[in-house]
Amino acid sequence: MSFEVISKVAQQGGTLYFGLLFLLVAGWVFLPRNKKTFERAARMALDEDDQ
């Protein structure tokens, strides 16, 4: 195997890996059961008391 072949396989594998990782994270974010958690996190900075 030449360096070019190894490089191409590594690039394609990395692209596939990070593509799947992105889809998994995006799917987790948009699950209905996580809605309350993310709404609470979005309001967190506004809900803090000034001290």
N, C-alpha and C. Protein backbone atom coordinates (compact mmCIF):
# COMPACT_ATOMS: atom_id res chain seq x y z
N MET A 1 0.85 -1.19 0.00
CA MET A 1 0.00 0.00 0.00
C MET A 1 0.89 1.24 0.00
N SER A 2 0.50 2.17 -0.81
CA SER A 2 1.26 3.41 -0.87
C SER A 2 0.69 4.42 0.12
N PHE A 3 1.46 5.46 0.35
CA PHE A 3 1.03 6.51 1.27
C PHE A 3 -0.28 7.15 0.80
N GLU A 4 -0.43 7.32 -0.50
CA GLU A 4 -1.63 7.95 -1.05
C GLU A 4 -2.88 7.13 -0.74
N VAL A 5 -2.78 5.82 -0.84
CA VAL A 5 -3.92 4.95 -0.57
C VAL A 5 -4.27 5.01 0.92
N ILE A 6 -3.25 4.92 1.77
CA ILE A 6 -3.48 4.98 3.21
C ILE A 6 -4.10 6.33 3.59
N SER A 7 -3.59 7.40 3.00
CA SER A 7 -4.10 8.74 3.27
C SER A 7 -5.56 8.87 2.85
N LYS A 8 -5.90 8.36 1.69
CA LYS A 8 -7.28 8.43 1.19
C LYS A 8 -8.22 7.64 2.08
N VAL A 9 -7.82 6.45 2.51
CA VAL A 9 -8.65 5.62 3.38
C VAL A 9 -8.85 6.32 4.72
N ALA A 10 -7.79 6.92 5.26
CA ALA A 10 -7.90 7.62 6.53
C ALA A 10 -8.82 8.84 6.40
N GLN A 11 -8.73 9.56 5.31
CA GLN A 11 -9.60 10.72 5.11
C GLN A 11 -11.06 10.30 5.02
N GLN A 12 -11.32 9.27 4.26
CA GLN A 12 -12.70 8.80 4.11
C GLN A 12 -13.23 8.23 5.42
N GLY A 13 -12.39 7.52 6.15
CA GLY A 13 -12.80 6.98 7.44
C GLY A 13 -13.10 8.08 8.44
N GLY A 14 -12.27 9.12 8.46
CA GLY A 14 -12.50 10.24 9.35
C GLY A 14 -13.76 10.99 9.00
N THR A 15 -14.00 11.17 7.72
CA THR A 15 -15.22 11.84 7.29
C THR A 15 -16.45 11.04 7.70
N LEU A 16 -16.40 9.75 7.52
CA LEU A 16 -17.51 8.88 7.91
C LEU A 16 -17.71 8.92 9.43
N TYR A 17 -16.62 8.84 10.18
CA TYR A 17 -16.70 8.85 11.63
C TYR A 17 -17.32 10.15 12.14
N PHE A 18 -16.82 11.29 11.69
CA PHE A 18 -17.35 12.56 12.17
C PHE A 18 -18.75 12.85 11.63
N GLY A 19 -19.08 12.33 10.45
CA GLY A 19 -20.43 12.46 9.95
C GLY A 19 -21.42 11.70 10.81
N LEU A 20 -21.07 10.48 11.18
CA LEU A 20 -21.93 9.69 12.07
C LEU A 20 -22.02 10.33 13.45
N LEU A 21 -20.91 10.84 13.95
CA LEU A 21 -20.92 11.51 15.24
C LEU A 21 -21.85 12.72 15.22
N PHE A 22 -21.80 13.50 14.15
CA PHE A 22 -22.68 14.66 14.00
C PHE A 22 -24.14 14.24 13.99
N LEU A 23 -24.46 13.20 13.24
CA LEU A 23 -25.85 12.74 13.17
C LEU A 23 -26.34 12.24 14.52
N LEU A 24 -25.49 11.54 15.25
CA LEU A 24 -25.88 11.06 16.57
C LEU A 24 -26.13 12.22 17.54
N VAL A 25 -25.25 13.21 17.55
CA VAL A 25 -25.43 14.35 18.45
C VAL A 25 -26.66 15.16 18.05
N ALA A 26 -26.84 15.39 16.75
CA ALA A 26 -28.01 16.13 16.30
C ALA A 26 -29.30 15.37 16.64
N GLY A 27 -29.29 14.07 16.50
CA GLY A 27 -30.46 13.27 16.86
C GLY A 27 -30.75 13.33 18.35
N TRP A 28 -29.70 13.30 19.16
CA TRP A 28 -29.87 13.38 20.61
C TRP A 28 -30.43 14.74 21.03
N VAL A 29 -29.96 15.80 20.39
CA VAL A 29 -30.42 17.15 20.72
C VAL A 29 -31.91 17.31 20.42
N PHE A 30 -32.38 16.73 19.34
CA PHE A 30 -33.76 16.93 18.92
C PHE A 30 -34.73 15.87 19.43
N LEU A 31 -34.30 15.01 20.34
CA LEU A 31 -35.23 14.07 20.95
C LEU A 31 -36.22 14.84 21.83
N PRO A 32 -37.49 14.51 21.75
CA PRO A 32 -38.50 15.24 22.54
C PRO A 32 -38.24 15.19 24.04
N ARG A 33 -37.67 14.12 24.55
CA ARG A 33 -37.45 14.03 25.99
C ARG A 33 -36.38 15.00 26.49
N ASN A 34 -35.56 15.55 25.60
CA ASN A 34 -34.51 16.49 26.00
C ASN A 34 -34.96 17.95 25.92
N LYS A 35 -36.18 18.19 25.47
CA LYS A 35 -36.65 19.55 25.27
C LYS A 35 -36.60 20.38 26.55
N LYS A 36 -37.08 19.82 27.65
CA LYS A 36 -37.12 20.56 28.91
C LYS A 36 -35.71 20.92 29.39
N THR A 37 -34.78 20.01 29.22
CA THR A 37 -33.40 20.25 29.64
C THR A 37 -32.79 21.42 28.88
N PHE A 38 -32.99 21.44 27.56
CA PHE A 38 -32.40 22.51 26.75
C PHE A 38 -33.12 23.84 26.95
N GLU A 39 -34.41 23.81 27.21
CA GLU A 39 -35.12 25.05 27.52
C GLU A 39 -34.62 25.65 28.83
N ARG A 40 -34.39 24.80 29.82
CA ARG A 40 -33.85 25.26 31.10
C ARG A 40 -32.44 25.83 30.92
N ALA A 41 -31.63 25.19 30.11
CA ALA A 41 -30.27 25.68 29.86
C ALA A 41 -30.29 27.01 29.11
N ALA A 42 -31.25 27.20 28.20
CA ALA A 42 -31.35 28.45 27.46
C ALA A 42 -31.72 29.61 28.35
N ARG A 43 -32.51 29.35 29.39
CA ARG A 43 -32.93 30.41 30.32
C ARG A 43 -31.97 30.62 31.48
N MET A 44 -30.98 29.77 31.62
CA MET A 44 -30.11 29.78 32.79
C MET A 44 -29.45 31.14 33.03
N ALA A 45 -28.92 31.75 32.01
CA ALA A 45 -28.24 33.05 32.18
C ALA A 45 -29.23 34.15 32.57
N LEU A 46 -30.46 34.04 32.14
CA LEU A 46 -31.46 35.06 32.45
C LEU A 46 -32.07 34.88 33.83
N ASP A 47 -32.04 33.65 34.35
CA ASP A 47 -32.67 33.35 35.62
C ASP A 47 -31.77 33.64 36.83
N GLU A 48 -30.48 33.86 36.61
CA GLU A 48 -29.57 34.08 37.72
C GLU A 48 -29.86 35.43 38.38
N ASP A 49 -29.77 35.45 39.70
CA ASP A 49 -29.98 36.70 40.45
C ASP A 49 -28.71 37.54 40.40
N ASP A 50 -28.89 38.86 40.34
CA ASP A 50 -27.76 39.78 40.41
C ASP A 50 -27.33 39.91 41.86
N GLN A 51 -26.07 39.63 42.13
CA GLN A 51 -25.58 39.70 43.51
C GLN A 51 -24.40 40.62 43.59
